[in-house]
């Protein structure tokens, strides 16, 4: 029996793409900050001149899958992280955006074989989103850890 697990200790060979939604950027900028902090503390070069990391900005969470797919198909990245925040309002728009973003992101991962981390907060209020993006804890950190683990795991499976 073989037990195959990803690790967080050696991220030196990973090239990571991050796709961030500008809509609700008060929240997504905090998620990105937590994500970058985690990546840096685990050995990923996060400087602007880094060859390990690219960040793409999109208008909103609905557009995350399209750019995640482009990055995944480019063959340049071992893992993609998507960051967004969809906050419930008084219309069904929330349900449409969340459904399409989640289905689209999952499809990209399945079709390309590149792990795509679903880092889209879906909350009822801005306060809840802010709590998840840094007031209480920053889920951006967790999304980065997931990316490191999945990138490492896929490298082991593919070797």
N, C-alpha and C. Protein backbone atom coordinates (compact mmCIF):
# COMPACT_ATOMS: atom_id res chain seq x y z
N UNK A 1 0.85 -1.18 0.00
CA UNK A 1 0.00 0.00 0.00
C UNK A 1 0.89 1.24 0.00
N UNK A 2 0.55 2.19 -0.84
CA UNK A 2 1.27 3.46 -0.88
C UNK A 2 0.36 4.57 -0.37
N UNK A 3 0.90 5.40 0.46
CA UNK A 3 0.19 6.59 0.91
C UNK A 3 0.88 7.79 0.26
N UNK A 4 0.12 8.51 -0.51
CA UNK A 4 0.68 9.65 -1.24
C UNK A 4 0.07 10.93 -0.66
N UNK A 5 0.93 11.80 -0.19
CA UNK A 5 0.46 13.05 0.39
C UNK A 5 1.30 14.22 -0.12
N UNK A 6 0.68 15.37 -0.19
CA UNK A 6 1.41 16.58 -0.52
C UNK A 6 2.10 17.13 0.72
N UNK A 7 3.11 17.97 0.49
CA UNK A 7 3.87 18.56 1.60
C UNK A 7 3.89 20.07 1.45
N UNK A 8 4.24 20.73 2.52
CA UNK A 8 4.33 22.19 2.52
C UNK A 8 5.76 22.68 2.60
N UNK A 9 6.69 21.77 2.78
CA UNK A 9 8.06 22.18 3.10
C UNK A 9 8.91 22.54 1.91
N UNK A 10 8.69 21.97 0.76
CA UNK A 10 9.53 22.28 -0.40
C UNK A 10 8.66 22.74 -1.56
N UNK A 11 8.52 24.04 -1.66
CA UNK A 11 7.71 24.62 -2.72
C UNK A 11 8.59 25.22 -3.81
N UNK A 12 9.88 24.92 -3.77
CA UNK A 12 10.83 25.57 -4.67
C UNK A 12 10.54 25.30 -6.15
N UNK A 13 9.96 24.16 -6.47
CA UNK A 13 9.72 23.84 -7.87
C UNK A 13 8.35 24.27 -8.38
N UNK A 14 7.54 24.85 -7.51
CA UNK A 14 6.18 25.23 -7.92
C UNK A 14 6.14 26.59 -8.60
N UNK A 15 5.33 26.65 -9.63
CA UNK A 15 5.00 27.93 -10.26
C UNK A 15 3.50 28.10 -10.09
N UNK A 16 3.11 29.20 -9.47
CA UNK A 16 1.72 29.41 -9.05
C UNK A 16 1.12 30.61 -9.76
N UNK A 17 -0.10 30.43 -10.24
CA UNK A 17 -0.87 31.54 -10.80
C UNK A 17 -1.99 31.88 -9.85
N UNK A 18 -2.20 33.16 -9.62
CA UNK A 18 -3.30 33.62 -8.77
C UNK A 18 -4.21 34.50 -9.61
N UNK A 19 -5.51 34.23 -9.57
CA UNK A 19 -6.49 35.05 -10.27
C UNK A 19 -7.36 35.71 -9.20
N UNK A 20 -7.42 37.03 -9.24
CA UNK A 20 -8.11 37.79 -8.20
C UNK A 20 -9.21 38.65 -8.81
N UNK A 21 -10.39 38.61 -8.20
CA UNK A 21 -11.51 39.44 -8.63
C UNK A 21 -11.39 40.84 -8.03
N UNK A 22 -11.56 41.86 -8.87
CA UNK A 22 -11.53 43.25 -8.39
C UNK A 22 -12.81 43.62 -7.63
N UNK A 23 -13.94 43.03 -8.00
CA UNK A 23 -15.20 43.34 -7.32
C UNK A 23 -15.07 42.92 -5.86
N UNK A 24 -15.48 43.77 -4.96
CA UNK A 24 -15.29 43.58 -3.52
C UNK A 24 -13.80 43.54 -3.17
N UNK A 25 -13.03 44.44 -3.80
CA UNK A 25 -11.59 44.43 -3.61
C UNK A 25 -11.15 44.75 -2.19
N UNK A 26 -12.01 45.34 -1.39
CA UNK A 26 -11.69 45.51 0.03
C UNK A 26 -11.43 44.14 0.65
N UNK A 27 -12.17 43.17 0.22
CA UNK A 27 -12.04 41.80 0.73
C UNK A 27 -10.96 41.04 -0.04
N UNK A 28 -10.99 41.10 -1.37
CA UNK A 28 -10.06 40.28 -2.15
C UNK A 28 -8.60 40.72 -1.97
N UNK A 29 -8.37 42.00 -1.74
CA UNK A 29 -7.00 42.45 -1.47
C UNK A 29 -6.48 41.85 -0.17
N UNK A 30 -7.35 41.72 0.82
CA UNK A 30 -6.96 41.11 2.10
C UNK A 30 -6.69 39.61 1.90
N UNK A 31 -7.52 38.94 1.11
CA UNK A 31 -7.28 37.53 0.81
C UNK A 31 -5.95 37.35 0.11
N UNK A 32 -5.67 38.20 -0.87
CA UNK A 32 -4.41 38.13 -1.60
C UNK A 32 -3.23 38.35 -0.66
N UNK A 33 -3.34 39.30 0.24
CA UNK A 33 -2.27 39.58 1.19
C UNK A 33 -1.98 38.36 2.06
N UNK A 34 -3.03 37.71 2.57
CA UNK A 34 -2.85 36.50 3.38
C UNK A 34 -2.25 35.36 2.58
N UNK A 35 -2.68 35.25 1.34
CA UNK A 35 -2.18 34.22 0.44
C UNK A 35 -0.69 34.42 0.17
N UNK A 36 -0.30 35.62 -0.15
CA UNK A 36 1.10 35.91 -0.45
C UNK A 36 1.98 35.73 0.78
N UNK A 37 1.47 36.10 1.95
CA UNK A 37 2.22 35.92 3.19
C UNK A 37 2.52 34.44 3.42
N UNK A 38 1.52 33.61 3.24
CA UNK A 38 1.71 32.16 3.42
C UNK A 38 2.71 31.61 2.40
N UNK A 39 2.54 31.98 1.15
CA UNK A 39 3.44 31.49 0.11
C UNK A 39 4.88 31.89 0.40
N UNK A 40 5.08 33.13 0.79
CA UNK A 40 6.43 33.61 1.08
C UNK A 40 7.03 32.84 2.26
N UNK A 41 6.25 32.60 3.29
CA UNK A 41 6.75 31.89 4.47
C UNK A 41 7.03 30.42 4.18
N UNK A 42 6.53 29.93 3.06
CA UNK A 42 6.79 28.55 2.66
C UNK A 42 7.76 28.46 1.48
N UNK A 43 8.50 29.53 1.22
CA UNK A 43 9.58 29.45 0.26
C UNK A 43 9.30 29.91 -1.15
N UNK A 44 8.11 30.43 -1.41
CA UNK A 44 7.79 30.95 -2.75
C UNK A 44 8.26 32.40 -2.83
N UNK A 45 8.96 32.72 -3.90
CA UNK A 45 9.40 34.10 -4.12
C UNK A 45 8.18 34.92 -4.55
N UNK A 46 7.80 35.89 -3.74
CA UNK A 46 6.61 36.70 -4.04
C UNK A 46 6.97 38.12 -4.49
N UNK A 47 8.24 38.37 -4.76
CA UNK A 47 8.65 39.70 -5.23
C UNK A 47 8.05 39.96 -6.61
N UNK A 48 7.94 41.23 -6.97
CA UNK A 48 7.37 41.59 -8.27
C UNK A 48 8.16 41.00 -9.43
N UNK A 49 9.42 40.70 -9.21
CA UNK A 49 10.27 40.13 -10.27
C UNK A 49 10.30 38.59 -10.21
N UNK A 50 9.44 38.00 -9.39
CA UNK A 50 9.44 36.56 -9.18
C UNK A 50 9.12 35.80 -10.47
N UNK A 51 9.82 34.68 -10.66
CA UNK A 51 9.46 33.80 -11.77
C UNK A 51 8.67 32.60 -11.27
N UNK A 52 8.26 32.63 -9.99
CA UNK A 52 7.46 31.55 -9.42
C UNK A 52 5.99 31.89 -9.33
N UNK A 53 5.63 33.14 -9.58
CA UNK A 53 4.28 33.61 -9.27
C UNK A 53 3.82 34.66 -10.27
N UNK A 54 2.60 34.51 -10.75
CA UNK A 54 1.95 35.54 -11.55
C UNK A 54 0.58 35.80 -10.95
N UNK A 55 0.15 37.06 -10.98
CA UNK A 55 -1.16 37.45 -10.47
C UNK A 55 -1.93 38.12 -11.60
N UNK A 56 -3.13 37.60 -11.86
CA UNK A 56 -4.01 38.18 -12.88
C UNK A 56 -5.25 38.73 -12.19
N UNK A 57 -5.65 39.92 -12.57
CA UNK A 57 -6.84 40.56 -12.01
C UNK A 57 -7.98 40.48 -13.03
N UNK A 58 -9.17 40.15 -12.54
CA UNK A 58 -10.36 40.08 -13.39
C UNK A 58 -11.44 40.97 -12.77
N UNK A 59 -12.45 41.35 -13.55
CA UNK A 59 -13.49 42.24 -13.01
C UNK A 59 -14.23 41.69 -11.79
N UNK A 60 -14.64 40.42 -11.86
CA UNK A 60 -15.41 39.86 -10.75
C UNK A 60 -15.25 38.35 -10.69
N UNK A 61 -15.93 37.73 -9.73
CA UNK A 61 -15.81 36.29 -9.53
C UNK A 61 -16.33 35.48 -10.71
N UNK A 62 -17.29 36.02 -11.44
CA UNK A 62 -17.83 35.33 -12.61
C UNK A 62 -16.74 35.08 -13.65
N UNK A 63 -15.76 35.98 -13.74
CA UNK A 63 -14.69 35.88 -14.73
C UNK A 63 -13.51 35.02 -14.28
N UNK A 64 -13.49 34.59 -13.04
CA UNK A 64 -12.37 33.79 -12.53
C UNK A 64 -12.11 32.52 -13.35
N UNK A 65 -13.14 31.72 -13.70
CA UNK A 65 -12.87 30.48 -14.42
C UNK A 65 -12.18 30.67 -15.78
N UNK A 66 -12.56 31.69 -16.50
CA UNK A 66 -12.00 31.89 -17.83
C UNK A 66 -10.49 32.13 -17.77
N UNK A 67 -10.07 33.00 -16.86
CA UNK A 67 -8.65 33.31 -16.77
C UNK A 67 -7.90 32.16 -16.10
N UNK A 68 -8.52 31.50 -15.13
CA UNK A 68 -7.90 30.31 -14.53
C UNK A 68 -7.65 29.26 -15.60
N UNK A 69 -8.60 29.10 -16.51
CA UNK A 69 -8.45 28.14 -17.60
C UNK A 69 -7.30 28.53 -18.53
N UNK A 70 -7.21 29.81 -18.85
CA UNK A 70 -6.12 30.27 -19.72
C UNK A 70 -4.76 30.02 -19.07
N UNK A 71 -4.65 30.31 -17.78
CA UNK A 71 -3.39 30.07 -17.07
C UNK A 71 -3.08 28.58 -17.02
N UNK A 72 -4.08 27.77 -16.72
CA UNK A 72 -3.86 26.32 -16.61
C UNK A 72 -3.43 25.74 -17.96
N UNK A 73 -4.06 26.17 -19.03
CA UNK A 73 -3.73 25.65 -20.36
C UNK A 73 -2.39 26.13 -20.88
N UNK A 74 -1.86 27.20 -20.29
CA UNK A 74 -0.59 27.74 -20.76
C UNK A 74 0.57 26.79 -20.50
N UNK A 75 0.41 25.87 -19.58
CA UNK A 75 1.48 24.94 -19.24
C UNK A 75 2.57 25.55 -18.37
N UNK A 76 2.38 26.77 -17.92
CA UNK A 76 3.39 27.45 -17.12
C UNK A 76 3.22 27.27 -15.62
N UNK A 77 2.07 26.76 -15.18
CA UNK A 77 1.76 26.74 -13.75
C UNK A 77 1.43 25.31 -13.29
N UNK A 78 1.87 25.00 -12.08
CA UNK A 78 1.54 23.71 -11.47
C UNK A 78 0.26 23.79 -10.65
N UNK A 79 -0.12 24.99 -10.26
CA UNK A 79 -1.34 25.18 -9.47
C UNK A 79 -1.84 26.61 -9.66
N UNK A 80 -3.16 26.77 -9.59
CA UNK A 80 -3.81 28.07 -9.74
C UNK A 80 -4.64 28.31 -8.48
N UNK A 81 -4.63 29.54 -7.99
CA UNK A 81 -5.48 29.94 -6.87
C UNK A 81 -6.44 31.01 -7.38
N UNK A 82 -7.73 30.84 -7.12
CA UNK A 82 -8.71 31.86 -7.48
C UNK A 82 -9.19 32.53 -6.20
N UNK A 83 -9.25 33.85 -6.23
CA UNK A 83 -9.69 34.62 -5.05
C UNK A 83 -10.82 35.55 -5.45
N UNK A 84 -11.91 35.47 -4.71
CA UNK A 84 -13.05 36.34 -4.97
C UNK A 84 -13.92 36.45 -3.74
N UNK A 85 -14.89 37.34 -3.81
CA UNK A 85 -15.84 37.50 -2.71
C UNK A 85 -17.20 37.84 -3.31
N UNK A 86 -18.18 37.00 -3.04
CA UNK A 86 -19.54 37.23 -3.51
C UNK A 86 -20.41 37.37 -2.27
N UNK A 87 -21.03 38.54 -2.13
CA UNK A 87 -21.81 38.85 -0.95
C UNK A 87 -23.28 38.93 -1.34
N UNK A 88 -24.12 38.20 -0.60
CA UNK A 88 -25.54 38.12 -0.92
C UNK A 88 -26.19 39.51 -0.87
N UNK A 89 -27.02 39.76 -1.83
CA UNK A 89 -27.78 41.01 -1.87
C UNK A 89 -29.27 40.70 -1.85
N UNK A 90 -30.05 41.61 -2.37
CA UNK A 90 -31.50 41.45 -2.37
C UNK A 90 -32.03 40.79 -3.65
N UNK A 91 -31.14 40.42 -4.56
CA UNK A 91 -31.56 39.82 -5.82
C UNK A 91 -30.92 38.44 -5.97
N UNK A 92 -31.38 37.64 -6.92
CA UNK A 92 -30.79 36.31 -7.15
C UNK A 92 -29.42 36.33 -7.81
N UNK A 93 -28.86 37.50 -8.07
CA UNK A 93 -27.56 37.63 -8.73
C UNK A 93 -26.49 36.81 -7.99
N UNK A 94 -26.51 36.82 -6.67
CA UNK A 94 -25.57 36.07 -5.84
C UNK A 94 -25.54 34.61 -6.26
N UNK A 95 -26.72 34.01 -6.35
CA UNK A 95 -26.82 32.58 -6.67
C UNK A 95 -26.24 32.26 -8.05
N UNK A 96 -26.49 33.12 -9.01
CA UNK A 96 -25.99 32.91 -10.36
C UNK A 96 -24.46 32.99 -10.38
N UNK A 97 -23.91 34.02 -9.78
CA UNK A 97 -22.45 34.21 -9.79
C UNK A 97 -21.75 33.07 -9.05
N UNK A 98 -22.24 32.72 -7.87
CA UNK A 98 -21.61 31.65 -7.09
C UNK A 98 -21.68 30.33 -7.85
N UNK A 99 -22.82 30.01 -8.42
CA UNK A 99 -22.98 28.73 -9.14
C UNK A 99 -22.03 28.66 -10.34
N UNK A 100 -21.98 29.71 -11.12
CA UNK A 100 -21.14 29.69 -12.33
C UNK A 100 -19.66 29.72 -11.98
N UNK A 101 -19.29 30.49 -10.98
CA UNK A 101 -17.88 30.54 -10.58
C UNK A 101 -17.43 29.18 -10.06
N UNK A 102 -18.21 28.59 -9.19
CA UNK A 102 -17.80 27.30 -8.61
C UNK A 102 -17.77 26.19 -9.65
N UNK A 103 -18.80 26.11 -10.50
CA UNK A 103 -18.79 25.09 -11.55
C UNK A 103 -17.65 25.32 -12.54
N UNK A 104 -17.44 26.57 -12.91
CA UNK A 104 -16.39 26.88 -13.86
C UNK A 104 -15.00 26.56 -13.33
N UNK A 105 -14.74 26.89 -12.09
CA UNK A 105 -13.43 26.62 -11.49
C UNK A 105 -13.20 25.12 -11.37
N UNK A 106 -14.21 24.39 -10.93
CA UNK A 106 -14.08 22.93 -10.84
C UNK A 106 -13.84 22.30 -12.20
N UNK A 107 -14.51 22.80 -13.22
CA UNK A 107 -14.35 22.28 -14.58
C UNK A 107 -12.93 22.51 -15.08
N UNK A 108 -12.38 23.68 -14.82
CA UNK A 108 -11.01 23.97 -15.26
C UNK A 108 -10.05 22.94 -14.67
N UNK A 109 -10.19 22.68 -13.40
CA UNK A 109 -9.30 21.73 -12.73
C UNK A 109 -9.43 20.34 -13.33
N UNK A 110 -10.65 19.88 -13.51
CA UNK A 110 -10.87 18.54 -14.06
C UNK A 110 -10.39 18.43 -15.50
N UNK A 111 -10.64 19.44 -16.31
CA UNK A 111 -10.29 19.35 -17.72
C UNK A 111 -8.81 19.52 -18.00
N UNK A 112 -8.10 20.26 -17.15
CA UNK A 112 -6.70 20.52 -17.43
C UNK A 112 -5.76 19.65 -16.60
N UNK A 113 -6.25 19.08 -15.51
CA UNK A 113 -5.39 18.32 -14.62
C UNK A 113 -4.52 19.19 -13.74
N UNK A 114 -4.75 20.48 -13.76
CA UNK A 114 -4.04 21.43 -12.91
C UNK A 114 -4.93 21.75 -11.71
N UNK A 115 -4.42 21.60 -10.49
CA UNK A 115 -5.26 21.95 -9.34
C UNK A 115 -5.61 23.44 -9.36
N UNK A 116 -6.89 23.73 -9.20
CA UNK A 116 -7.36 25.11 -9.11
C UNK A 116 -8.07 25.25 -7.77
N UNK A 117 -7.51 26.07 -6.92
CA UNK A 117 -8.03 26.25 -5.57
C UNK A 117 -9.19 27.23 -5.61
N UNK A 118 -10.32 26.83 -5.02
CA UNK A 118 -11.53 27.65 -4.96
C UNK A 118 -11.43 28.56 -3.74
N UNK A 119 -10.98 29.78 -3.96
CA UNK A 119 -10.83 30.74 -2.88
C UNK A 119 -11.84 31.87 -2.99
N UNK A 120 -13.09 31.51 -3.21
CA UNK A 120 -14.15 32.51 -3.36
C UNK A 120 -15.00 32.49 -2.10
N UNK A 121 -14.99 33.60 -1.37
CA UNK A 121 -15.84 33.70 -0.20
C UNK A 121 -17.28 33.91 -0.65
N UNK A 122 -18.20 33.21 -0.04
CA UNK A 122 -19.62 33.37 -0.32
C UNK A 122 -20.29 33.65 1.02
N UNK A 123 -20.64 34.90 1.23
CA UNK A 123 -21.17 35.30 2.53
C UNK A 123 -22.48 36.06 2.38
N UNK A 124 -23.18 36.19 3.51
CA UNK A 124 -24.43 36.94 3.52
C UNK A 124 -24.20 38.44 3.70
N UNK A 125 -23.10 38.80 4.37
CA UNK A 125 -22.85 40.21 4.65
C UNK A 125 -21.38 40.56 4.42
N UNK A 126 -21.13 41.85 4.26
CA UNK A 126 -19.75 42.33 4.14
C UNK A 126 -18.98 42.04 5.42
N UNK A 127 -19.63 42.17 6.56
CA UNK A 127 -18.96 41.88 7.83
C UNK A 127 -18.44 40.45 7.87
N UNK A 128 -19.24 39.49 7.42
CA UNK A 128 -18.81 38.09 7.38
C UNK A 128 -17.61 37.94 6.44
N UNK A 129 -17.65 38.60 5.31
CA UNK A 129 -16.54 38.51 4.35
C UNK A 129 -15.27 39.08 4.96
N UNK A 130 -15.37 40.23 5.62
CA UNK A 130 -14.20 40.84 6.23
C UNK A 130 -13.63 39.97 7.35
N UNK A 131 -14.51 39.31 8.09
CA UNK A 131 -14.04 38.41 9.15
C UNK A 131 -13.24 37.26 8.56
N UNK A 132 -13.65 36.75 7.42
CA UNK A 132 -12.96 35.62 6.79
C UNK A 132 -11.71 36.05 6.01
N UNK A 133 -11.60 37.36 5.80
CA UNK A 133 -10.46 37.87 5.04
C UNK A 133 -9.46 38.62 5.93
N UNK A 134 -9.59 38.45 7.24
CA UNK A 134 -8.55 39.05 8.06
C UNK A 134 -8.93 39.55 9.42
N UNK A 135 -10.18 39.91 9.67
CA UNK A 135 -10.53 40.42 10.99
C UNK A 135 -10.38 39.32 12.04
N UNK A 136 -10.91 38.13 11.75
CA UNK A 136 -10.78 36.99 12.67
C UNK A 136 -9.69 36.04 12.21
N UNK A 137 -9.71 35.71 10.96
CA UNK A 137 -8.68 34.87 10.35
C UNK A 137 -8.67 35.21 8.86
N UNK A 138 -7.57 34.89 8.20
CA UNK A 138 -7.49 35.20 6.77
C UNK A 138 -7.47 33.90 5.99
N UNK A 139 -8.58 33.62 5.32
CA UNK A 139 -8.67 32.39 4.54
C UNK A 139 -7.71 32.39 3.35
N UNK A 140 -7.19 33.54 2.97
CA UNK A 140 -6.17 33.58 1.92
C UNK A 140 -4.99 32.70 2.28
N UNK A 141 -4.64 32.66 3.55
CA UNK A 141 -3.56 31.80 4.05
C UNK A 141 -3.91 30.35 3.78
N UNK A 142 -5.13 29.95 4.11
CA UNK A 142 -5.58 28.56 3.91
C UNK A 142 -5.58 28.18 2.44
N UNK A 143 -6.00 29.10 1.57
CA UNK A 143 -6.01 28.81 0.14
C UNK A 143 -4.60 28.58 -0.38
N UNK A 144 -3.64 29.34 0.14
CA UNK A 144 -2.24 29.16 -0.26
C UNK A 144 -1.73 27.80 0.21
N UNK A 145 -2.06 27.41 1.44
CA UNK A 145 -1.65 26.08 1.93
C UNK A 145 -2.24 24.97 1.07
N UNK A 146 -3.49 25.11 0.69
CA UNK A 146 -4.12 24.12 -0.19
C UNK A 146 -3.36 24.04 -1.50
N UNK A 147 -2.96 25.18 -2.03
CA UNK A 147 -2.22 25.20 -3.30
C UNK A 147 -0.88 24.49 -3.16
N UNK A 148 -0.17 24.76 -2.07
CA UNK A 148 1.12 24.11 -1.85
C UNK A 148 0.96 22.60 -1.73
N UNK A 149 -0.05 22.19 -0.98
CA UNK A 149 -0.28 20.75 -0.80
C UNK A 149 -0.66 20.08 -2.11
N UNK A 150 -1.57 20.68 -2.86
CA UNK A 150 -2.02 20.08 -4.11
C UNK A 150 -0.91 20.10 -5.17
N UNK A 151 -0.13 21.16 -5.22
CA UNK A 151 0.98 21.22 -6.18
C UNK A 151 2.00 20.13 -5.88
N UNK A 152 2.30 19.94 -4.61
CA UNK A 152 3.24 18.90 -4.19
C UNK A 152 2.67 17.51 -4.45
N UNK A 153 1.41 17.32 -4.15
CA UNK A 153 0.76 16.03 -4.36
C UNK A 153 0.74 15.66 -5.84
N UNK A 154 0.38 16.60 -6.68
CA UNK A 154 0.35 16.30 -8.13
C UNK A 154 1.75 16.00 -8.66
N UNK A 155 2.75 16.69 -8.13
CA UNK A 155 4.13 16.41 -8.56
C UNK A 155 4.51 14.98 -8.21
N UNK A 156 4.10 14.52 -7.04
CA UNK A 156 4.42 13.15 -6.62
C UNK A 156 3.67 12.13 -7.50
N UNK A 157 2.42 12.41 -7.76
CA UNK A 157 1.61 11.48 -8.56
C UNK A 157 2.15 11.40 -10.00
N UNK A 158 2.58 12.53 -10.53
CA UNK A 158 3.04 12.59 -11.92
C UNK A 158 4.49 12.17 -12.12
N UNK A 159 5.21 11.91 -11.02
CA UNK A 159 6.62 11.53 -11.17
C UNK A 159 6.79 10.02 -11.15
